[in-house]
C-alpha cells in the first residue's frame, strides 16, 4: 500500500481545515466517529460487551463519539473507561455529552482499579482511543497498564487511530503497543502494522486516511 500522507502532514491538514476553512474541531471529531462506527458496526452484534478505552486527547474524544453512536443504535452493553489528567477541549466536550447521555463510565486516576481490570477482561470488543500520533515517548502509568491488560484480553480489539503506544516516530517507540487482532479493518487508518511482538513493531507504513486491512502477528500476551 502506498503512503498518502505522514502523521505531521495529516496534522497540518487538520490545522488547515480548522483555521483556513473554519471547520470546527468538534465537527472533524464527529465525522471521524461516524466513519469509524460505519466501518465496524456491521461486524458487531448488540449483545456483545463493548469497552471503550478513552484517553484525554482527541482520540479519546473520537472513541466517545463511537460509544454514543453505538448506544444510539441499541448497543447498550458498554462501558467507557476514562483516563488522562490533561483533557483537550474537544475531548472535554465529548465527555460532557457522554455524561448527559449517561453512558456507563469508569474514571481512573493514576492506578488501574480492580473493577476496571475485570471490565477489560470481560470485554468482547475493545476500542482503543488512548493515544495517537501525538504521543512522545513510551506509554507510562495507567496508560501502559491498560494496554498491557488489553493485550491479554480475548476481545476483538480495534484502534481508533494508530495503535496506542506507537506515536509518530516509530523508530523511537518502545513497547508496549496496543495490538489489534489479525486482519481487521479499521477506519481512518494512519499506519499499516505488519507485525507486533514483545520487542515492538517490525514494519510500519506511513499514514493512511481510508479503510483497509492490516495484520498483527505474535501479539504479546
N, C-alpha and C. Protein backbone atom coordinates (compact mmCIF):
# COMPACT_ATOMS: atom_id res chain seq x y z
N UNK A 1 0.84 -1.20 0.00
CA UNK A 1 0.00 0.00 0.00
C UNK A 1 0.87 1.25 0.00
N UNK A 2 0.47 2.25 -0.76
CA UNK A 2 1.26 3.46 -0.87
C UNK A 2 0.92 4.45 0.23
N UNK A 3 1.94 5.13 0.73
CA UNK A 3 1.73 6.14 1.75
C UNK A 3 1.01 7.34 1.13
N UNK A 4 0.01 7.83 1.82
CA UNK A 4 -0.71 9.01 1.36
C UNK A 4 -0.13 10.27 1.98
N UNK A 5 -0.11 10.32 3.29
CA UNK A 5 0.47 11.45 4.00
C UNK A 5 1.13 10.94 5.27
N UNK A 6 2.12 11.70 5.75
CA UNK A 6 2.73 11.37 7.04
C UNK A 6 1.85 11.91 8.15
N UNK A 7 2.16 11.51 9.38
CA UNK A 7 1.37 11.99 10.52
C UNK A 7 1.45 13.50 10.66
N UNK A 8 2.66 14.06 10.44
CA UNK A 8 2.80 15.52 10.56
C UNK A 8 2.02 16.23 9.46
N UNK A 9 1.99 15.63 8.26
CA UNK A 9 1.20 16.22 7.18
C UNK A 9 -0.28 16.15 7.49
N UNK A 10 -0.72 15.04 8.12
CA UNK A 10 -2.12 14.92 8.49
C UNK A 10 -2.48 15.96 9.53
N UNK A 11 -1.57 16.22 10.47
CA UNK A 11 -1.81 17.26 11.47
C UNK A 11 -1.95 18.63 10.80
N UNK A 12 -1.13 18.86 9.75
CA UNK A 12 -1.21 20.12 9.02
C UNK A 12 -2.54 20.24 8.29
N UNK A 13 -3.01 19.13 7.72
CA UNK A 13 -4.31 19.13 7.03
C UNK A 13 -5.42 19.46 8.02
N UNK A 14 -5.36 18.85 9.21
CA UNK A 14 -6.35 19.15 10.25
C UNK A 14 -6.35 20.63 10.59
N UNK A 15 -5.12 21.19 10.74
CA UNK A 15 -4.99 22.59 11.11
C UNK A 15 -5.56 23.50 10.02
N UNK A 16 -5.27 23.18 8.75
CA UNK A 16 -5.79 23.98 7.64
C UNK A 16 -7.32 23.92 7.61
N UNK A 17 -7.87 22.71 7.85
CA UNK A 17 -9.33 22.55 7.84
C UNK A 17 -9.97 23.45 8.89
N UNK A 18 -9.32 23.54 10.06
CA UNK A 18 -9.90 24.30 11.16
C UNK A 18 -9.66 25.80 11.03
N UNK A 19 -8.47 26.20 10.59
CA UNK A 19 -8.13 27.62 10.62
C UNK A 19 -8.37 28.33 9.29
N UNK A 20 -8.08 27.67 8.18
CA UNK A 20 -8.31 28.33 6.89
C UNK A 20 -9.76 28.18 6.46
N UNK A 21 -10.30 26.95 6.63
CA UNK A 21 -11.65 26.70 6.14
C UNK A 21 -12.70 26.73 7.24
N UNK A 22 -12.26 27.04 8.47
CA UNK A 22 -13.17 27.31 9.59
C UNK A 22 -14.07 26.14 9.94
N UNK A 23 -13.59 24.90 9.70
CA UNK A 23 -14.34 23.72 10.11
C UNK A 23 -14.01 23.43 11.57
N UNK A 24 -14.98 23.45 12.46
CA UNK A 24 -14.68 23.27 13.89
C UNK A 24 -14.05 21.90 14.17
N UNK A 25 -13.15 21.86 15.14
CA UNK A 25 -12.52 20.60 15.53
C UNK A 25 -13.55 19.56 15.94
N UNK A 26 -14.62 19.99 16.61
CA UNK A 26 -15.68 19.06 17.01
C UNK A 26 -16.36 18.42 15.80
N UNK A 27 -16.49 19.20 14.72
CA UNK A 27 -17.09 18.66 13.51
C UNK A 27 -16.20 17.57 12.91
N UNK A 28 -14.89 17.81 12.90
CA UNK A 28 -13.95 16.79 12.41
C UNK A 28 -14.02 15.54 13.29
N UNK A 29 -14.14 15.74 14.60
CA UNK A 29 -14.21 14.61 15.53
C UNK A 29 -15.49 13.81 15.30
N UNK A 30 -16.60 14.49 15.11
CA UNK A 30 -17.87 13.80 14.85
C UNK A 30 -17.79 13.00 13.55
N UNK A 31 -17.18 13.61 12.53
CA UNK A 31 -17.04 12.91 11.25
C UNK A 31 -16.19 11.66 11.40
N UNK A 32 -15.07 11.78 12.13
CA UNK A 32 -14.22 10.62 12.36
C UNK A 32 -14.98 9.51 13.07
N UNK A 33 -15.74 9.88 14.11
CA UNK A 33 -16.51 8.89 14.85
C UNK A 33 -17.54 8.19 13.99
N UNK A 34 -18.24 8.96 13.13
CA UNK A 34 -19.23 8.37 12.23
C UNK A 34 -18.58 7.39 11.27
N UNK A 35 -17.41 7.76 10.71
CA UNK A 35 -16.72 6.89 9.76
C UNK A 35 -16.28 5.59 10.43
N UNK A 36 -15.74 5.71 11.64
CA UNK A 36 -15.27 4.52 12.35
C UNK A 36 -16.45 3.59 12.67
N UNK A 37 -17.53 4.16 13.20
CA UNK A 37 -18.69 3.33 13.56
C UNK A 37 -19.29 2.67 12.32
N UNK A 38 -19.38 3.41 11.22
CA UNK A 38 -19.91 2.84 9.99
C UNK A 38 -19.07 1.67 9.51
N UNK A 39 -17.75 1.74 9.75
CA UNK A 39 -16.85 0.69 9.27
C UNK A 39 -16.96 -0.59 10.08
N UNK A 40 -17.30 -0.49 11.36
CA UNK A 40 -17.22 -1.68 12.22
C UNK A 40 -18.57 -2.24 12.65
N UNK A 41 -19.63 -1.44 12.61
CA UNK A 41 -20.88 -1.87 13.25
C UNK A 41 -21.48 -3.11 12.60
N UNK A 42 -21.24 -3.30 11.31
CA UNK A 42 -21.80 -4.45 10.63
C UNK A 42 -21.22 -5.77 11.07
N UNK A 43 -20.09 -5.72 11.79
CA UNK A 43 -19.44 -6.94 12.25
C UNK A 43 -19.63 -7.17 13.75
N UNK A 44 -20.50 -6.35 14.36
CA UNK A 44 -20.78 -6.48 15.78
C UNK A 44 -22.25 -6.84 15.98
N UNK A 45 -22.58 -7.35 17.18
CA UNK A 45 -23.98 -7.57 17.50
C UNK A 45 -24.29 -6.99 18.87
N UNK A 46 -25.55 -6.66 19.09
CA UNK A 46 -25.93 -5.82 20.22
C UNK A 46 -25.72 -6.46 21.58
N UNK A 47 -25.64 -7.78 21.62
CA UNK A 47 -25.44 -8.45 22.92
C UNK A 47 -23.99 -8.40 23.38
N UNK A 48 -23.08 -8.05 22.49
CA UNK A 48 -21.67 -8.03 22.87
C UNK A 48 -21.38 -6.92 23.89
N UNK A 49 -20.40 -7.19 24.74
CA UNK A 49 -19.96 -6.16 25.69
C UNK A 49 -18.86 -5.33 25.04
N UNK A 50 -19.16 -4.04 24.84
CA UNK A 50 -18.22 -3.11 24.23
C UNK A 50 -17.54 -2.29 25.32
N UNK A 51 -16.22 -2.20 25.26
CA UNK A 51 -15.46 -1.38 26.20
C UNK A 51 -14.61 -0.39 25.40
N UNK A 52 -14.73 0.89 25.76
CA UNK A 52 -14.03 1.96 25.08
C UNK A 52 -12.95 2.52 26.02
N UNK A 53 -11.70 2.44 25.59
CA UNK A 53 -10.58 3.00 26.35
C UNK A 53 -10.34 4.41 25.84
N UNK A 54 -10.63 5.41 26.67
CA UNK A 54 -10.67 6.80 26.22
C UNK A 54 -9.64 7.64 26.95
N UNK A 55 -8.60 8.07 26.24
CA UNK A 55 -7.62 8.98 26.82
C UNK A 55 -8.16 10.40 26.86
N UNK A 56 -7.31 11.32 27.27
CA UNK A 56 -7.74 12.70 27.41
C UNK A 56 -7.57 13.55 26.17
N UNK A 57 -6.99 12.98 25.11
CA UNK A 57 -6.78 13.72 23.87
C UNK A 57 -7.92 13.53 22.89
N UNK A 58 -7.68 13.94 21.66
CA UNK A 58 -8.75 13.88 20.66
C UNK A 58 -9.10 12.45 20.26
N UNK A 59 -8.17 11.50 20.38
CA UNK A 59 -8.52 10.11 20.11
C UNK A 59 -9.53 9.60 21.13
N UNK A 60 -9.38 10.04 22.37
CA UNK A 60 -10.37 9.70 23.39
C UNK A 60 -11.72 10.29 23.05
N UNK A 61 -11.72 11.52 22.51
CA UNK A 61 -12.98 12.12 22.07
C UNK A 61 -13.61 11.35 20.93
N UNK A 62 -12.78 10.90 19.97
CA UNK A 62 -13.29 10.08 18.87
C UNK A 62 -13.96 8.81 19.41
N UNK A 63 -13.30 8.18 20.38
CA UNK A 63 -13.84 6.94 20.96
C UNK A 63 -15.19 7.19 21.62
N UNK A 64 -15.34 8.34 22.26
CA UNK A 64 -16.61 8.66 22.90
C UNK A 64 -17.71 8.91 21.87
N UNK A 65 -17.35 9.48 20.73
CA UNK A 65 -18.34 9.62 19.65
C UNK A 65 -18.82 8.25 19.21
N UNK A 66 -17.89 7.31 19.02
CA UNK A 66 -18.25 5.95 18.60
C UNK A 66 -19.14 5.30 19.65
N UNK A 67 -18.80 5.48 20.93
CA UNK A 67 -19.61 4.90 22.01
C UNK A 67 -21.04 5.44 21.97
N UNK A 68 -21.17 6.74 21.74
CA UNK A 68 -22.50 7.36 21.69
C UNK A 68 -23.31 6.84 20.50
N UNK A 69 -22.66 6.74 19.34
CA UNK A 69 -23.35 6.23 18.16
C UNK A 69 -23.79 4.78 18.36
N UNK A 70 -22.92 4.00 19.00
CA UNK A 70 -23.27 2.61 19.31
C UNK A 70 -24.48 2.57 20.23
N UNK A 71 -24.47 3.42 21.26
CA UNK A 71 -25.57 3.50 22.22
C UNK A 71 -26.87 3.86 21.50
N UNK A 72 -26.80 4.83 20.59
CA UNK A 72 -27.98 5.25 19.85
C UNK A 72 -28.58 4.11 19.03
N UNK A 73 -27.74 3.17 18.61
CA UNK A 73 -28.21 2.06 17.78
C UNK A 73 -28.48 0.79 18.59
N UNK A 74 -28.57 0.96 19.91
CA UNK A 74 -29.01 -0.16 20.75
C UNK A 74 -27.91 -1.01 21.32
N UNK A 75 -26.64 -0.60 21.17
CA UNK A 75 -25.53 -1.32 21.79
C UNK A 75 -25.37 -0.77 23.21
N UNK A 76 -26.23 -1.26 24.09
CA UNK A 76 -26.33 -0.70 25.45
C UNK A 76 -25.37 -1.37 26.43
N UNK A 77 -24.85 -2.52 26.08
CA UNK A 77 -23.92 -3.24 26.96
C UNK A 77 -22.51 -2.72 26.72
N UNK A 78 -22.25 -1.54 27.26
CA UNK A 78 -20.97 -0.90 27.00
C UNK A 78 -20.48 -0.14 28.23
N UNK A 79 -19.16 0.06 28.27
CA UNK A 79 -18.54 0.84 29.34
C UNK A 79 -17.43 1.69 28.72
N UNK A 80 -17.36 2.95 29.10
CA UNK A 80 -16.27 3.83 28.70
C UNK A 80 -15.30 3.98 29.88
N UNK A 81 -14.04 3.66 29.68
CA UNK A 81 -13.03 3.83 30.71
C UNK A 81 -12.26 5.10 30.39
N UNK A 82 -12.36 6.10 31.26
CA UNK A 82 -11.80 7.42 31.01
C UNK A 82 -10.52 7.62 31.81
N UNK A 83 -9.46 8.05 31.13
CA UNK A 83 -8.19 8.33 31.79
C UNK A 83 -7.63 9.64 31.26
N UNK A 84 -6.66 10.18 31.96
CA UNK A 84 -5.99 11.39 31.50
C UNK A 84 -6.23 12.56 32.42
N UNK A 85 -5.14 13.21 32.82
CA UNK A 85 -5.25 14.40 33.67
C UNK A 85 -5.31 15.68 32.83
N UNK A 86 -4.85 15.60 31.59
CA UNK A 86 -4.92 16.75 30.68
C UNK A 86 -5.93 16.42 29.58
N UNK A 87 -7.03 17.15 29.55
CA UNK A 87 -8.13 16.85 28.64
C UNK A 87 -8.20 17.94 27.57
N UNK A 88 -8.18 17.55 26.30
CA UNK A 88 -8.29 18.53 25.22
C UNK A 88 -9.69 19.13 25.23
N UNK A 89 -9.84 20.36 24.71
CA UNK A 89 -11.17 20.99 24.72
C UNK A 89 -12.25 20.14 24.03
N UNK A 90 -11.93 19.57 22.88
CA UNK A 90 -12.92 18.75 22.17
C UNK A 90 -13.25 17.49 22.94
N UNK A 91 -12.24 16.88 23.54
CA UNK A 91 -12.48 15.68 24.35
C UNK A 91 -13.32 16.02 25.57
N UNK A 92 -13.08 17.18 26.18
CA UNK A 92 -13.88 17.61 27.33
C UNK A 92 -15.36 17.71 26.93
N UNK A 93 -15.61 18.29 25.76
CA UNK A 93 -16.99 18.41 25.29
C UNK A 93 -17.62 17.04 25.10
N UNK A 94 -16.87 16.11 24.52
CA UNK A 94 -17.40 14.75 24.31
C UNK A 94 -17.65 14.06 25.65
N UNK A 95 -16.83 14.32 26.65
CA UNK A 95 -17.08 13.74 27.97
C UNK A 95 -18.36 14.31 28.59
N UNK A 96 -18.59 15.59 28.37
CA UNK A 96 -19.82 16.19 28.87
C UNK A 96 -21.04 15.62 28.16
N UNK A 97 -20.93 15.37 26.86
CA UNK A 97 -22.03 14.75 26.12
C UNK A 97 -22.28 13.34 26.64
N UNK A 98 -21.19 12.59 26.85
CA UNK A 98 -21.32 11.22 27.36
C UNK A 98 -21.99 11.21 28.73
N UNK A 99 -21.65 12.20 29.54
CA UNK A 99 -22.27 12.31 30.88
C UNK A 99 -23.76 12.60 30.75
N UNK A 100 -24.11 13.51 29.83
CA UNK A 100 -25.52 13.83 29.62
C UNK A 100 -26.30 12.62 29.09
N UNK A 101 -25.63 11.81 28.26
CA UNK A 101 -26.24 10.59 27.73
C UNK A 101 -26.33 9.50 28.81
N UNK A 102 -25.61 9.69 29.90
CA UNK A 102 -25.49 8.70 30.96
C UNK A 102 -24.88 7.39 30.44
N UNK A 103 -23.86 7.55 29.58
CA UNK A 103 -23.13 6.37 29.13
C UNK A 103 -22.40 5.77 30.32
N UNK A 104 -22.48 4.46 30.52
CA UNK A 104 -21.77 3.83 31.64
C UNK A 104 -20.26 4.10 31.54
N UNK A 105 -19.69 4.64 32.61
CA UNK A 105 -18.30 5.06 32.56
C UNK A 105 -17.57 4.74 33.85
N UNK A 106 -16.27 4.51 33.72
CA UNK A 106 -15.36 4.40 34.86
C UNK A 106 -14.26 5.44 34.66
N UNK A 107 -14.03 6.26 35.68
CA UNK A 107 -12.99 7.28 35.61
C UNK A 107 -11.81 6.82 36.45
N UNK A 108 -10.64 6.72 35.81
CA UNK A 108 -9.45 6.25 36.50
C UNK A 108 -8.50 7.41 36.77
N UNK A 109 -7.80 7.32 37.88
CA UNK A 109 -6.74 8.26 38.19
C UNK A 109 -5.40 7.70 37.75
N UNK A 110 -4.49 7.59 38.69
CA UNK A 110 -3.15 7.09 38.36
C UNK A 110 -3.04 5.57 38.43
N UNK A 111 -4.05 4.92 39.00
CA UNK A 111 -3.97 3.48 39.22
C UNK A 111 -5.07 2.74 38.46
N UNK A 112 -4.78 1.50 38.08
CA UNK A 112 -5.75 0.64 37.42
C UNK A 112 -6.55 -0.09 38.49
N UNK A 113 -7.82 0.27 38.64
CA UNK A 113 -8.66 -0.28 39.70
C UNK A 113 -9.16 -1.68 39.34
N UNK A 114 -9.42 -2.52 40.35
CA UNK A 114 -9.87 -3.89 40.08
C UNK A 114 -11.11 -3.98 39.20
N UNK A 115 -12.08 -3.07 39.41
CA UNK A 115 -13.30 -3.14 38.59
C UNK A 115 -13.01 -2.82 37.13
N UNK A 116 -12.02 -1.94 36.88
CA UNK A 116 -11.63 -1.64 35.50
C UNK A 116 -10.91 -2.84 34.88
N UNK A 117 -10.07 -3.50 35.66
CA UNK A 117 -9.38 -4.70 35.17
C UNK A 117 -10.38 -5.75 34.74
N UNK A 118 -11.38 -6.01 35.58
CA UNK A 118 -12.35 -7.04 35.26
C UNK A 118 -13.20 -6.65 34.06
N UNK A 119 -13.50 -5.35 33.95
CA UNK A 119 -14.28 -4.86 32.81
C UNK A 119 -13.55 -5.14 31.50
N UNK A 120 -12.26 -4.90 31.48
CA UNK A 120 -11.47 -5.14 30.26
C UNK A 120 -11.37 -6.62 29.95
N UNK A 121 -11.14 -7.42 30.97
CA UNK A 121 -11.01 -8.87 30.75
C UNK A 121 -12.32 -9.49 30.31
N UNK A 122 -13.46 -8.89 30.71
CA UNK A 122 -14.77 -9.41 30.32
C UNK A 122 -15.24 -8.88 28.98
N UNK A 123 -14.52 -7.91 28.42
CA UNK A 123 -14.94 -7.28 27.16
C UNK A 123 -14.95 -8.28 26.02
N UNK A 124 -15.91 -8.07 25.11
CA UNK A 124 -15.93 -8.84 23.87
C UNK A 124 -15.41 -8.01 22.70
N UNK A 125 -15.51 -6.68 22.82
CA UNK A 125 -14.93 -5.77 21.82
C UNK A 125 -14.27 -4.63 22.59
N UNK A 126 -13.02 -4.36 22.27
CA UNK A 126 -12.26 -3.29 22.91
C UNK A 126 -11.90 -2.23 21.88
N UNK A 127 -12.31 -0.99 22.14
CA UNK A 127 -11.94 0.13 21.27
C UNK A 127 -10.81 0.91 21.94
N UNK A 128 -9.72 1.09 21.22
CA UNK A 128 -8.54 1.78 21.73
C UNK A 128 -8.55 3.24 21.29
N UNK A 129 -8.81 4.14 22.24
CA UNK A 129 -8.74 5.57 21.99
C UNK A 129 -7.84 6.24 23.01
N UNK A 130 -6.77 5.56 23.39
CA UNK A 130 -5.90 6.08 24.46
C UNK A 130 -4.93 7.14 23.98
N UNK A 131 -4.20 6.86 22.91
CA UNK A 131 -3.22 7.83 22.40
C UNK A 131 -3.08 7.66 20.91
N UNK A 132 -2.43 8.63 20.26
CA UNK A 132 -2.25 8.58 18.82
C UNK A 132 -0.89 9.09 18.41
N UNK A 133 -0.85 9.78 17.28
CA UNK A 133 0.44 10.22 16.74
C UNK A 133 1.08 11.32 17.56
N UNK A 134 0.32 11.94 18.45
CA UNK A 134 0.89 12.99 19.29
C UNK A 134 1.70 12.46 20.45
N UNK A 135 1.72 11.14 20.63
CA UNK A 135 2.47 10.56 21.75
C UNK A 135 3.96 10.82 21.59
N UNK A 136 4.58 11.27 22.66
CA UNK A 136 6.02 11.47 22.70
C UNK A 136 6.62 10.55 23.75
N UNK A 137 7.45 9.59 23.32
CA UNK A 137 7.99 8.62 24.25
C UNK A 137 7.05 7.45 24.44
N UNK A 138 7.40 6.59 25.36
CA UNK A 138 6.61 5.38 25.57
C UNK A 138 5.44 5.62 26.51
N UNK A 139 4.48 4.72 26.47
CA UNK A 139 3.35 4.79 27.39
C UNK A 139 3.81 4.59 28.83
N UNK A 140 3.19 5.32 29.74
CA UNK A 140 3.56 5.21 31.15
C UNK A 140 2.30 5.15 32.01
N UNK A 141 2.49 4.74 33.26
CA UNK A 141 1.43 4.78 34.25
C UNK A 141 0.22 3.96 33.85
N UNK A 142 -0.96 4.52 34.09
CA UNK A 142 -2.20 3.79 33.85
C UNK A 142 -2.40 3.51 32.36
N UNK A 143 -1.87 4.35 31.48
CA UNK A 143 -1.96 4.10 30.04
C UNK A 143 -1.23 2.79 29.70
N UNK A 144 -0.04 2.64 30.23
CA UNK A 144 0.73 1.41 30.00
C UNK A 144 -0.01 0.20 30.56
N UNK A 145 -0.54 0.36 31.78
CA UNK A 145 -1.24 -0.75 32.42
C UNK A 145 -2.46 -1.17 31.61
N UNK A 146 -3.18 -0.21 31.07
CA UNK A 146 -4.37 -0.52 30.28
C UNK A 146 -4.01 -1.27 29.00
N UNK A 147 -2.95 -0.85 28.33
CA UNK A 147 -2.54 -1.52 27.09
C UNK A 147 -2.07 -2.94 27.38
N UNK A 148 -1.28 -3.12 28.43
CA UNK A 148 -0.81 -4.47 28.78
C UNK A 148 -2.00 -5.39 29.08
N UNK A 149 -2.97 -4.86 29.80
CA UNK A 149 -4.14 -5.67 30.14
C UNK A 149 -4.98 -5.94 28.89
N UNK A 150 -5.15 -4.93 28.05
CA UNK A 150 -5.95 -5.11 26.83
C UNK A 150 -5.35 -6.18 25.93
N UNK A 151 -4.03 -6.25 25.87
CA UNK A 151 -3.38 -7.24 25.02
C UNK A 151 -3.53 -8.66 25.56
N UNK A 152 -3.92 -8.79 26.81
CA UNK A 152 -4.21 -10.11 27.37
C UNK A 152 -5.65 -10.54 27.11
N UNK A 153 -6.48 -9.56 26.76
CA UNK A 153 -7.89 -9.83 26.56
C UNK A 153 -8.12 -10.67 25.30
N UNK A 154 -9.17 -11.48 25.32
CA UNK A 154 -9.56 -12.26 24.15
C UNK A 154 -10.56 -11.49 23.28
N UNK A 155 -10.80 -10.23 23.63
CA UNK A 155 -11.77 -9.42 22.90
C UNK A 155 -11.27 -9.08 21.50
N UNK A 156 -12.20 -8.78 20.62
CA UNK A 156 -11.87 -8.16 19.35
C UNK A 156 -11.33 -6.78 19.66
N UNK A 157 -10.15 -6.43 19.17
CA UNK A 157 -9.51 -5.17 19.54
C UNK A 157 -9.40 -4.27 18.31
N UNK A 158 -9.90 -3.04 18.46
CA UNK A 158 -9.97 -2.08 17.36
C UNK A 158 -9.33 -0.77 17.81
N UNK A 159 -8.38 -0.27 17.02
CA UNK A 159 -7.77 1.02 17.31
C UNK A 159 -8.48 2.13 16.55
N UNK A 160 -8.78 3.23 17.25
CA UNK A 160 -9.41 4.38 16.62
C UNK A 160 -8.43 5.09 15.70
N UNK A 161 -7.20 5.25 16.16
CA UNK A 161 -6.12 5.89 15.41
C UNK A 161 -5.06 4.81 15.21
N UNK A 162 -3.81 5.19 15.09
CA UNK A 162 -2.77 4.18 15.12
C UNK A 162 -2.80 3.53 16.50
N UNK A 163 -2.36 2.28 16.64
CA UNK A 163 -2.42 1.62 17.95
C UNK A 163 -1.71 2.44 19.03
N UNK A 164 -2.33 2.56 20.18
CA UNK A 164 -1.75 3.32 21.28
C UNK A 164 -0.37 2.79 21.63
N UNK A 165 0.57 3.70 21.83
CA UNK A 165 1.94 3.34 22.13
C UNK A 165 2.87 3.52 20.96
N UNK A 166 2.31 3.63 19.76
CA UNK A 166 3.16 3.75 18.57
C UNK A 166 3.67 5.19 18.42
N UNK A 167 2.79 6.16 18.50
CA UNK A 167 3.22 7.54 18.34
C UNK A 167 3.59 7.85 16.90
N UNK A 168 4.23 8.99 16.68
CA UNK A 168 4.56 9.45 15.33
C UNK A 168 5.88 8.90 14.84
N UNK A 169 6.90 8.92 15.71
CA UNK A 169 8.23 8.45 15.33
C UNK A 169 8.36 6.99 15.70
N UNK A 170 8.06 6.09 14.73
CA UNK A 170 8.01 4.66 15.00
C UNK A 170 9.32 4.15 15.56
N UNK A 171 10.43 4.58 14.98
CA UNK A 171 11.74 4.04 15.37
C UNK A 171 12.10 4.38 16.80
N UNK A 172 11.48 5.44 17.35
CA UNK A 172 11.83 5.88 18.70
C UNK A 172 10.94 5.27 19.77
N UNK A 173 9.94 4.48 19.37
CA UNK A 173 8.98 3.98 20.33
C UNK A 173 9.44 2.66 20.95
N UNK A 174 9.01 2.45 22.17
CA UNK A 174 9.29 1.21 22.88
C UNK A 174 7.97 0.59 23.32
N UNK A 175 7.91 -0.74 23.40
CA UNK A 175 6.66 -1.37 23.83
C UNK A 175 6.33 -0.98 25.27
N UNK A 176 5.04 -1.15 25.67
CA UNK A 176 4.00 -1.91 24.97
C UNK A 176 3.25 -1.09 23.95
N UNK A 177 2.66 -1.79 22.97
CA UNK A 177 1.76 -1.21 21.99
C UNK A 177 0.43 -1.94 22.08
N UNK A 178 -0.65 -1.23 21.86
CA UNK A 178 -1.95 -1.88 21.74
C UNK A 178 -1.93 -2.70 20.46
N UNK A 179 -2.20 -4.00 20.57
CA UNK A 179 -2.12 -4.89 19.42
C UNK A 179 -3.49 -5.40 19.03
N UNK A 180 -4.07 -4.86 17.94
CA UNK A 180 -5.33 -5.42 17.44
C UNK A 180 -5.10 -6.81 16.85
N UNK A 181 -6.16 -7.58 16.66
CA UNK A 181 -6.02 -8.94 16.16
C UNK A 181 -5.75 -8.98 14.65
N UNK A 182 -5.71 -10.16 14.10
CA UNK A 182 -5.36 -10.35 12.69
C UNK A 182 -6.42 -9.78 11.76
N UNK A 183 -5.95 -9.08 10.73
CA UNK A 183 -6.77 -8.74 9.57
C UNK A 183 -8.14 -8.15 9.89
N UNK A 184 -8.15 -7.13 10.70
CA UNK A 184 -9.42 -6.46 11.00
C UNK A 184 -9.40 -5.05 10.42
N UNK A 185 -10.43 -4.67 9.66
CA UNK A 185 -10.44 -3.34 9.05
C UNK A 185 -10.65 -2.26 10.08
N UNK A 186 -9.95 -1.16 9.95
CA UNK A 186 -10.12 -0.02 10.85
C UNK A 186 -10.28 1.25 10.02
N UNK A 187 -11.19 2.12 10.45
CA UNK A 187 -11.45 3.34 9.69
C UNK A 187 -10.38 4.39 9.98
N UNK A 188 -10.16 5.25 9.01
CA UNK A 188 -9.23 6.36 9.14
C UNK A 188 -7.87 5.89 9.62
N UNK A 189 -7.40 4.80 9.05
CA UNK A 189 -6.14 4.23 9.49
C UNK A 189 -4.98 5.17 9.22
N UNK A 190 -4.06 5.25 10.17
CA UNK A 190 -2.89 6.10 10.00
C UNK A 190 -1.60 5.29 9.90
N UNK A 191 -1.67 4.00 10.03
CA UNK A 191 -0.48 3.22 9.72
C UNK A 191 -0.88 1.79 9.44
N UNK A 192 -0.06 1.09 8.69
CA UNK A 192 -0.28 -0.32 8.42
C UNK A 192 0.78 -1.08 9.20
N UNK A 193 0.35 -1.87 10.16
CA UNK A 193 1.28 -2.59 11.01
C UNK A 193 1.32 -4.03 10.57
N UNK A 194 2.47 -4.53 10.18
CA UNK A 194 2.53 -5.89 9.66
C UNK A 194 2.94 -6.91 10.72
N UNK A 195 3.59 -6.47 11.78
CA UNK A 195 3.99 -7.44 12.79
C UNK A 195 4.24 -6.75 14.11
N UNK A 196 3.73 -7.35 15.18
CA UNK A 196 3.91 -6.80 16.51
C UNK A 196 4.21 -7.93 17.46
N UNK A 197 5.30 -7.83 18.21
CA UNK A 197 5.60 -8.83 19.21
C UNK A 197 6.16 -8.16 20.44
N UNK A 198 6.75 -8.91 21.33
CA UNK A 198 7.19 -8.36 22.61
C UNK A 198 8.35 -7.39 22.45
N UNK A 199 9.02 -7.39 21.32
CA UNK A 199 10.12 -6.44 21.10
C UNK A 199 9.65 -5.20 20.37
N UNK A 200 8.37 -5.17 20.01
CA UNK A 200 7.84 -3.96 19.39
C UNK A 200 7.41 -4.18 17.95
N UNK A 201 7.27 -3.07 17.22
CA UNK A 201 6.77 -3.11 15.86
C UNK A 201 7.90 -3.39 14.88
N UNK A 202 7.69 -4.32 13.97
CA UNK A 202 8.71 -4.66 12.99
C UNK A 202 8.58 -3.84 11.71
N UNK A 203 7.37 -3.64 11.26
CA UNK A 203 7.17 -2.96 9.99
C UNK A 203 5.97 -2.04 10.07
N UNK A 204 6.15 -0.79 9.65
CA UNK A 204 5.03 0.13 9.59
C UNK A 204 5.13 0.93 8.31
N UNK A 205 4.00 1.37 7.82
CA UNK A 205 3.96 2.13 6.59
C UNK A 205 3.10 3.36 6.76
N UNK A 206 3.74 4.50 6.94
CA UNK A 206 3.12 5.80 6.86
C UNK A 206 1.69 5.97 7.30
N UNK A 207 1.12 7.07 6.95
CA UNK A 207 -0.25 7.40 7.34
C UNK A 207 -1.24 7.01 6.26
N UNK A 208 -2.41 6.61 6.68
CA UNK A 208 -3.49 6.27 5.76
C UNK A 208 -4.72 7.06 6.17
N UNK A 209 -5.59 7.34 5.23
CA UNK A 209 -6.83 8.04 5.56
C UNK A 209 -8.02 7.35 4.90
N UNK A 210 -7.97 6.03 4.84
CA UNK A 210 -9.06 5.27 4.28
C UNK A 210 -9.15 3.94 5.01
N UNK A 211 -10.23 3.20 4.78
CA UNK A 211 -10.43 1.92 5.44
C UNK A 211 -9.64 0.86 4.71
N UNK A 212 -8.85 0.07 5.44
CA UNK A 212 -8.10 -1.02 4.83
C UNK A 212 -7.81 -2.05 5.88
N UNK A 213 -7.03 -3.07 5.57
CA UNK A 213 -6.75 -4.14 6.49
C UNK A 213 -5.28 -4.17 6.86
N UNK A 214 -5.00 -4.67 8.05
CA UNK A 214 -3.62 -4.91 8.42
C UNK A 214 -3.55 -6.18 9.26
N UNK A 215 -2.37 -6.71 9.39
CA UNK A 215 -2.20 -7.98 10.09
C UNK A 215 -1.23 -7.81 11.23
N UNK A 216 -1.58 -8.32 12.38
CA UNK A 216 -0.69 -8.34 13.54
C UNK A 216 -0.33 -9.79 13.82
N UNK A 217 0.94 -10.06 13.98
CA UNK A 217 1.38 -11.41 14.29
C UNK A 217 2.05 -11.43 15.67
N UNK A 218 1.88 -12.52 16.35
CA UNK A 218 2.55 -12.73 17.64
C UNK A 218 2.27 -11.62 18.63
N UNK A 219 1.01 -11.29 18.78
CA UNK A 219 0.65 -10.25 19.75
C UNK A 219 1.09 -10.67 21.14
N UNK A 220 1.65 -9.71 21.92
CA UNK A 220 2.12 -10.06 23.26
C UNK A 220 0.98 -10.48 24.16
N UNK A 221 1.21 -11.46 24.99
CA UNK A 221 0.20 -11.95 25.91
C UNK A 221 0.47 -11.40 27.31
